[in-house]
Amino acid sequence: MANQTRIIKIDGMTCEKCVESVHSTTGDIDGLLSLTVELPTNQATVTFDDSITSAEKIAAGIEEAGFEATVANS
């Protein structure tokens, strides 16, 4: 198990309801350990177990909520 922390840029968020949508959509992703969404910067900081999931899979989950999500290069 190796935990990684990455930044995911999120386009389309305009309010706290958007933040709640991101949290609820990603809440059941196995291996996602923490998710902090920052509305002013339109990004999320995610920590995950890379043996179970990836930043790209988490970004895909965010996109299911209707936003455009891109993993930032680290």
PDB file of N, CA and C in Angstrom:
ATOM      1  N   MET A   1       0.844  -1.186   0.000  1.00  0.00           N
ATOM      2  CA  MET A   1       0.000   0.000   0.000  1.00  0.00           C
ATOM      3  C   MET A   1       0.881   1.238   0.000  1.00  0.00           C
ATOM      4  N   ALA A   2       0.665   2.089  -0.981  1.00  0.00           N
ATOM      5  CA  ALA A   2       1.395   3.349  -1.056  1.00  0.00           C
ATOM      6  C   ALA A   2       0.388   4.478  -1.246  1.00  0.00           C
ATOM      7  N   ASN A   3       0.307   5.336  -0.260  1.00  0.00           N
ATOM      8  CA  ASN A   3      -0.613   6.465  -0.369  1.00  0.00           C
ATOM      9  C   ASN A   3       0.017   7.561  -1.202  1.00  0.00           C
ATOM     10  N   GLN A   4      -0.794   8.157  -2.048  1.00  0.00           N
ATOM     11  CA  GLN A   4      -0.354   9.279  -2.864  1.00  0.00           C
ATOM     12  C   GLN A   4      -1.322  10.425  -2.673  1.00  0.00           C
ATOM     13  N   THR A   5      -0.812  11.633  -2.804  1.00  0.00           N
ATOM     14  CA  THR A   5      -1.645  12.833  -2.768  1.00  0.00           C
ATOM     15  C   THR A   5      -1.455  13.558  -4.079  1.00  0.00           C
ATOM     16  N   ARG A   6      -2.563  13.906  -4.721  1.00  0.00           N
ATOM     17  CA  ARG A   6      -2.518  14.600  -6.013  1.00  0.00           C
ATOM     18  C   ARG A   6      -3.538  15.735  -6.024  1.00  0.00           C
ATOM     19  N   ILE A   7      -3.354  16.639  -6.954  1.00  0.00           N
ATOM     20  CA  ILE A   7      -4.282  17.751  -7.186  1.00  0.00           C
ATOM     21  C   ILE A   7      -5.086  17.444  -8.444  1.00  0.00           C
ATOM     22  N   ILE A   8      -6.394  17.653  -8.350  1.00  0.00           N
ATOM     23  CA  ILE A   8      -7.268  17.513  -9.508  1.00  0.00           C
ATOM     24  C   ILE A   8      -7.936  18.858  -9.748  1.00  0.00           C
ATOM     25  N   LYS A   9      -7.739  19.414 -10.935  1.00  0.00           N
ATOM     26  CA  LYS A   9      -8.395  20.662 -11.331  1.00  0.00           C
ATOM     27  C   LYS A   9      -9.827  20.346 -11.733  1.00  0.00           C
ATOM     28  N   ILE A  10     -10.768  21.162 -11.258  1.00  0.00           N
ATOM     29  CA  ILE A  10     -12.190  20.920 -11.530  1.00  0.00           C
ATOM     30  C   ILE A  10     -12.797  22.179 -12.153  1.00  0.00           C
ATOM     31  N   ASP A  11     -13.280  22.050 -13.374  1.00  0.00           N
ATOM     32  CA  ASP A  11     -13.945  23.158 -14.054  1.00  0.00           C
ATOM     33  C   ASP A  11     -15.454  22.994 -13.941  1.00  0.00           C
ATOM     34  N   GLY A  12     -16.147  24.107 -13.711  1.00  0.00           N
ATOM     35  CA  GLY A  12     -17.599  24.101 -13.693  1.00  0.00           C
ATOM     36  C   GLY A  12     -18.221  24.264 -12.315  1.00  0.00           C
ATOM     37  N   MET A  13     -17.412  24.286 -11.273  1.00  0.00           N
ATOM     38  CA  MET A  13     -17.973  24.488  -9.934  1.00  0.00           C
ATOM     39  C   MET A  13     -18.247  25.969  -9.713  1.00  0.00           C
ATOM     40  N   THR A  14     -19.450  26.259  -9.171  1.00  0.00           N
ATOM     41  CA  THR A  14     -19.807  27.655  -8.939  1.00  0.00           C
ATOM     42  C   THR A  14     -20.272  27.953  -7.517  1.00  0.00           C
ATOM     43  N   CYS A  15     -20.565  26.889  -6.743  1.00  0.00           N
ATOM     44  CA  CYS A  15     -21.132  27.119  -5.409  1.00  0.00           C
ATOM     45  C   CYS A  15     -20.859  25.931  -4.495  1.00  0.00           C
ATOM     46  N   GLU A  16     -21.295  26.063  -3.252  1.00  0.00           N
ATOM     47  CA  GLU A  16     -21.098  24.980  -2.280  1.00  0.00           C
ATOM     48  C   GLU A  16     -21.869  23.721  -2.658  1.00  0.00           C
ATOM     49  N   LYS A  17     -22.993  23.867  -3.368  1.00  0.00           N
ATOM     50  CA  LYS A  17     -23.730  22.692  -3.835  1.00  0.00           C
ATOM     51  C   LYS A  17     -22.868  21.867  -4.779  1.00  0.00           C
ATOM     52  N   CYS A  18     -22.062  22.533  -5.584  1.00  0.00           N
ATOM     53  CA  CYS A  18     -21.143  21.833  -6.488  1.00  0.00           C
ATOM     54  C   CYS A  18     -20.122  21.031  -5.681  1.00  0.00           C
ATOM     55  N   VAL A  19     -19.609  21.647  -4.632  1.00  0.00           N
ATOM     56  CA  VAL A  19     -18.650  20.967  -3.762  1.00  0.00           C
ATOM     57  C   VAL A  19     -19.291  19.727  -3.155  1.00  0.00           C
ATOM     58  N   GLU A  20     -20.531  19.857  -2.701  1.00  0.00           N
ATOM     59  CA  GLU A  20     -21.259  18.724  -2.127  1.00  0.00           C
ATOM     60  C   GLU A  20     -21.450  17.617  -3.166  1.00  0.00           C
ATOM     61  N   SER A  21     -21.720  17.999  -4.402  1.00  0.00           N
ATOM     62  CA  SER A  21     -21.892  17.011  -5.473  1.00  0.00           C
ATOM     63  C   SER A  21     -20.615  16.218  -5.705  1.00  0.00           C
ATOM     64  N   VAL A  22     -19.479  16.908  -5.691  1.00  0.00           N
ATOM     65  CA  VAL A  22     -18.187  16.226  -5.866  1.00  0.00           C
ATOM     66  C   VAL A  22     -17.978  15.233  -4.732  1.00  0.00           C
ATOM     67  N   HIS A  23     -18.245  15.660  -3.508  1.00  0.00           N
ATOM     68  CA  HIS A  23     -18.067  14.774  -2.354  1.00  0.00           C
ATOM     69  C   HIS A  23     -18.992  13.556  -2.434  1.00  0.00           C
ATOM     70  N   SER A  24     -20.256  13.773  -2.770  1.00  0.00           N
ATOM     71  CA  SER A  24     -21.198  12.657  -2.788  1.00  0.00           C
ATOM     72  C   SER A  24     -20.905  11.687  -3.926  1.00  0.00           C
ATOM     73  N   THR A  25     -20.435  12.195  -5.058  1.00  0.00           N
ATOM     74  CA  THR A  25     -20.144  11.330  -6.199  1.00  0.00           C
ATOM     75  C   THR A  25     -18.899  10.477  -5.968  1.00  0.00           C
ATOM     76  N   THR A  26     -17.949  10.993  -5.228  1.00  0.00           N
ATOM     77  CA  THR A  26     -16.694  10.273  -5.019  1.00  0.00           C
ATOM     78  C   THR A  26     -16.666   9.478  -3.720  1.00  0.00           C
ATOM     79  N   GLY A  27     -17.678   9.619  -2.907  1.00  0.00           N
ATOM     80  CA  GLY A  27     -17.685   9.019  -1.587  1.00  0.00           C
ATOM     81  C   GLY A  27     -17.542   7.516  -1.544  1.00  0.00           C
ATOM     82  N   ASP A  28     -17.939   6.826  -2.610  1.00  0.00           N
ATOM     83  CA  ASP A  28     -17.881   5.367  -2.606  1.00  0.00           C
ATOM     84  C   ASP A  28     -16.722   4.798  -3.419  1.00  0.00           C
ATOM     85  N   ILE A  29     -15.749   5.619  -3.769  1.00  0.00           N
ATOM     86  CA  ILE A  29     -14.587   5.132  -4.515  1.00  0.00           C
ATOM     87  C   ILE A  29     -13.652   4.397  -3.560  1.00  0.00           C
ATOM     88  N   ASP A  30     -13.474   3.100  -3.795  1.00  0.00           N
ATOM     89  CA  ASP A  30     -12.568   2.308  -2.964  1.00  0.00           C
ATOM     90  C   ASP A  30     -11.142   2.845  -3.095  1.00  0.00           C
ATOM     91  N   GLY A  31     -10.478   2.990  -1.979  1.00  0.00           N
ATOM     92  CA  GLY A  31      -9.091   3.452  -1.978  1.00  0.00           C
ATOM     93  C   GLY A  31      -8.936   4.943  -1.819  1.00  0.00           C
ATOM     94  N   LEU A  32     -10.026   5.696  -1.945  1.00  0.00           N
ATOM     95  CA  LEU A  32      -9.958   7.144  -1.736  1.00  0.00           C
ATOM     96  C   LEU A  32      -9.945   7.400  -0.240  1.00  0.00           C
ATOM     97  N   LEU A  33      -8.857   7.960   0.258  1.00  0.00           N
ATOM     98  CA  LEU A  33      -8.686   8.154   1.692  1.00  0.00           C
ATOM     99  C   LEU A  33      -9.164   9.518   2.153  1.00  0.00           C
ATOM    100  N   SER A  34      -8.927  10.548   1.352  1.00  0.00           N
ATOM    101  CA  SER A  34      -9.421  11.880   1.688  1.00  0.00           C
ATOM    102  C   SER A  34      -9.580  12.707   0.426  1.00  0.00           C
ATOM    103  N   LEU A  35     -10.523  13.637   0.507  1.00  0.00           N
ATOM    104  CA  LEU A  35     -10.819  14.536  -0.611  1.00  0.00           C
ATOM    105  C   LEU A  35     -11.159  15.891  -0.021  1.00  0.00           C
ATOM    106  N   THR A  36     -10.385  16.898  -0.390  1.00  0.00           N
ATOM    107  CA  THR A  36     -10.646  18.263   0.045  1.00  0.00           C
ATOM    108  C   THR A  36     -10.869  19.106  -1.193  1.00  0.00           C
ATOM    109  N   VAL A  37     -12.060  19.679  -1.309  1.00  0.00           N
ATOM    110  CA  VAL A  37     -12.405  20.497  -2.473  1.00  0.00           C
ATOM    111  C   VAL A  37     -12.300  21.967  -2.088  1.00  0.00           C
ATOM    112  N   GLU A  38     -11.601  22.731  -2.918  1.00  0.00           N
ATOM    113  CA  GLU A  38     -11.428  24.165  -2.693  1.00  0.00           C
ATOM    114  C   GLU A  38     -12.120  24.917  -3.820  1.00  0.00           C
ATOM    115  N   LEU A  39     -13.276  25.486  -3.499  1.00  0.00           N
ATOM    116  CA  LEU A  39     -14.067  26.205  -4.494  1.00  0.00           C
ATOM    117  C   LEU A  39     -13.327  27.415  -5.073  1.00  0.00           C
ATOM    118  N   PRO A  40     -12.648  28.242  -4.242  1.00  0.00           N
ATOM    119  CA  PRO A  40     -11.985  29.426  -4.803  1.00  0.00           C
ATOM    120  C   PRO A  40     -10.904  29.098  -5.845  1.00  0.00           C
ATOM    121  N   THR A  41     -10.252  27.944  -5.697  1.00  0.00           N
ATOM    122  CA  THR A  41      -9.185  27.583  -6.636  1.00  0.00           C
ATOM    123  C   THR A  41      -9.636  26.545  -7.658  1.00  0.00           C
ATOM    124  N   ASN A  42     -10.889  26.088  -7.532  1.00  0.00           N
ATOM    125  CA  ASN A  42     -11.433  25.072  -8.441  1.00  0.00           C
ATOM    126  C   ASN A  42     -10.541  23.843  -8.537  1.00  0.00           C
ATOM    127  N   GLN A  43     -10.189  23.323  -7.371  1.00  0.00           N
ATOM    128  CA  GLN A  43      -9.384  22.117  -7.373  1.00  0.00           C
ATOM    129  C   GLN A  43      -9.683  21.273  -6.146  1.00  0.00           C
ATOM    130  N   ALA A  44      -9.293  20.018  -6.245  1.00  0.00           N
ATOM    131  CA  ALA A  44      -9.432  19.085  -5.129  1.00  0.00           C
ATOM    132  C   ALA A  44      -8.071  18.483  -4.835  1.00  0.00           C
ATOM    133  N   THR A  45      -7.802  18.295  -3.570  1.00  0.00           N
ATOM    134  CA  THR A  45      -6.623  17.568  -3.143  1.00  0.00           C
ATOM    135  C   THR A  45      -7.109  16.196  -2.703  1.00  0.00           C
ATOM    136  N   VAL A  46      -6.577  15.156  -3.330  1.00  0.00           N
ATOM    137  CA  VAL A  46      -7.016  13.795  -3.024  1.00  0.00           C
ATOM    138  C   VAL A  46      -5.841  12.972  -2.520  1.00  0.00           C
ATOM    139  N   THR A  47      -6.120  12.164  -1.518  1.00  0.00           N
ATOM    140  CA  THR A  47      -5.149  11.189  -1.038  1.00  0.00           C
ATOM    141  C   THR A  47      -5.788   9.822  -1.215  1.00  0.00           C
ATOM    142  N   PHE A  48      -5.025   8.899  -1.802  1.00  0.00           N
ATOM    143  CA  PHE A  48      -5.586   7.595  -2.141  1.00  0.00           C
ATOM    144  C   PHE A  48      -4.518   6.515  -2.056  1.00  0.00           C
ATOM    145  N   ASP A  49      -4.990   5.296  -1.937  1.00  0.00           N
ATOM    146  CA  ASP A  49      -4.130   4.118  -1.947  1.00  0.00           C
ATOM    147  C   ASP A  49      -3.953   3.721  -3.409  1.00  0.00           C
ATOM    148  N   ASP A  50      -2.736   3.878  -3.925  1.00  0.00           N
ATOM    149  CA  ASP A  50      -2.533   3.640  -5.359  1.00  0.00           C
ATOM    150  C   ASP A  50      -2.532   2.160  -5.739  1.00  0.00           C
ATOM    151  N   SER A  51      -2.638   1.276  -4.776  1.00  0.00           N
ATOM    152  CA  SER A  51      -2.792  -0.133  -5.121  1.00  0.00           C
ATOM    153  C   SER A  51      -4.264  -0.478  -5.363  1.00  0.00           C
ATOM    154  N   ILE A  52      -5.160   0.470  -5.039  1.00  0.00           N
ATOM    155  CA  ILE A  52      -6.597   0.241  -5.195  1.00  0.00           C
ATOM    156  C   ILE A  52      -7.206   1.139  -6.262  1.00  0.00           C
ATOM    157  N   THR A  53      -6.787   2.385  -6.313  1.00  0.00           N
ATOM    158  CA  THR A  53      -7.369   3.337  -7.270  1.00  0.00           C
ATOM    159  C   THR A  53      -6.277   4.265  -7.782  1.00  0.00           C
ATOM    160  N   SER A  54      -6.664   5.206  -8.612  1.00  0.00           N
ATOM    161  CA  SER A  54      -5.714   6.173  -9.176  1.00  0.00           C
ATOM    162  C   SER A  54      -6.353   7.561  -9.205  1.00  0.00           C
ATOM    163  N   ALA A  55      -5.527   8.567  -9.377  1.00  0.00           N
ATOM    164  CA  ALA A  55      -6.038   9.933  -9.489  1.00  0.00           C
ATOM    165  C   ALA A  55      -6.951  10.055 -10.707  1.00  0.00           C
ATOM    166  N   GLU A  56      -6.628   9.337 -11.764  1.00  0.00           N
ATOM    167  CA  GLU A  56      -7.442   9.380 -12.977  1.00  0.00           C
ATOM    168  C   GLU A  56      -8.835   8.788 -12.738  1.00  0.00           C
ATOM    169  N   LYS A  57      -8.912   7.720 -11.951  1.00  0.00           N
ATOM    170  CA  LYS A  57     -10.217   7.126 -11.635  1.00  0.00           C
ATOM    171  C   LYS A  57     -11.041   8.072 -10.764  1.00  0.00           C
ATOM    172  N   ILE A  58     -10.379   8.762  -9.851  1.00  0.00           N
ATOM    173  CA  ILE A  58     -11.079   9.728  -9.008  1.00  0.00           C
ATOM    174  C   ILE A  58     -11.583  10.889  -9.864  1.00  0.00           C
ATOM    175  N   ALA A  59     -10.749  11.353 -10.803  1.00  0.00           N
ATOM    176  CA  ALA A  59     -11.165  12.418 -11.715  1.00  0.00           C
ATOM    177  C   ALA A  59     -12.371  11.974 -12.543  1.00  0.00           C
ATOM    178  N   ALA A  60     -12.377  10.733 -12.977  1.00  0.00           N
ATOM    179  CA  ALA A  60     -13.523  10.211 -13.737  1.00  0.00           C
ATOM    180  C   ALA A  60     -14.782  10.227 -12.872  1.00  0.00           C
ATOM    181  N   GLY A  61     -14.638   9.929 -11.575  1.00  0.00           N
ATOM    182  CA  GLY A  61     -15.770   9.997 -10.665  1.00  0.00           C
ATOM    183  C   GLY A  61     -16.300  11.410 -10.526  1.00  0.00           C
ATOM    184  N   ILE A  62     -15.399  12.376 -10.480  1.00  0.00           N
ATOM    185  CA  ILE A  62     -15.803  13.785 -10.405  1.00  0.00           C
ATOM    186  C   ILE A  62     -16.553  14.184 -11.673  1.00  0.00           C
ATOM    187  N   GLU A  63     -16.097  13.675 -12.811  1.00  0.00           N
ATOM    188  CA  GLU A  63     -16.765  13.992 -14.073  1.00  0.00           C
ATOM    189  C   GLU A  63     -18.183  13.432 -14.109  1.00  0.00           C
ATOM    190  N   GLU A  64     -18.420  12.328 -13.390  1.00  0.00           N
ATOM    191  CA  GLU A  64     -19.774  11.776 -13.321  1.00  0.00           C
ATOM    192  C   GLU A  64     -20.738  12.750 -12.641  1.00  0.00           C
ATOM    193  N   ALA A  65     -20.200  13.677 -11.838  1.00  0.00           N
ATOM    194  CA  ALA A  65     -21.034  14.686 -11.186  1.00  0.00           C
ATOM    195  C   ALA A  65     -21.328  15.854 -12.136  1.00  0.00           C
ATOM    196  N   GLY A  66     -20.766  15.819 -13.343  1.00  0.00           N
ATOM    197  CA  GLY A  66     -21.055  16.854 -14.335  1.00  0.00           C
ATOM    198  C   GLY A  66     -19.992  17.919 -14.478  1.00  0.00           C
ATOM    199  N   PHE A  67     -18.820  17.688 -13.910  1.00  0.00           N
ATOM    200  CA  PHE A  67     -17.730  18.667 -13.992  1.00  0.00           C
ATOM    201  C   PHE A  67     -16.604  18.121 -14.854  1.00  0.00           C
ATOM    202  N   GLU A  68     -15.760  19.008 -15.334  1.00  0.00           N
ATOM    203  CA  GLU A  68     -14.576  18.573 -16.066  1.00  0.00           C
ATOM    204  C   GLU A  68     -13.428  18.510 -15.070  1.00  0.00           C
ATOM    205  N   ALA A  69     -12.793  17.344 -14.987  1.00  0.00           N
ATOM    206  CA  ALA A  69     -11.737  17.131 -13.993  1.00  0.00           C
ATOM    207  C   ALA A  69     -10.457  16.678 -14.683  1.00  0.00           C
ATOM    208  N   THR A  70      -9.340  17.296 -14.317  1.00  0.00           N
ATOM    209  CA  THR A  70      -8.047  16.984 -14.901  1.00  0.00           C
ATOM    210  C   THR A  70      -7.026  16.822 -13.791  1.00  0.00           C
ATOM    211  N   VAL A  71      -6.290  15.727 -13.827  1.00  0.00           N
ATOM    212  CA  VAL A  71      -5.236  15.498 -12.841  1.00  0.00           C
ATOM    213  C   VAL A  71      -4.075  16.422 -13.171  1.00  0.00           C
ATOM    214  N   ALA A  72      -3.650  17.215 -12.183  1.00  0.00           N
ATOM    215  CA  ALA A  72      -2.507  18.115 -12.387  1.00  0.00           C
ATOM    216  C   ALA A  72      -1.232  17.304 -12.365  1.00  0.00           C
ATOM    217  N   ASN A  73      -0.264  17.710 -13.164  1.00  0.00           N
ATOM    218  CA  ASN A  73       1.040  17.044 -13.156  1.00  0.00           C
ATOM    219  C   ASN A  73       1.734  17.294 -11.842  1.00  0.00           C
ATOM    220  N   SER A  74       2.369  16.246 -11.315  1.00  0.00           N
ATOM    221  CA  SER A  74       3.065  16.425 -10.046  1.00  0.00           C
ATOM    222  C   SER A  74       4.561  16.436 -10.257  1.00  0.00           C
TER     223      SER A  74
END
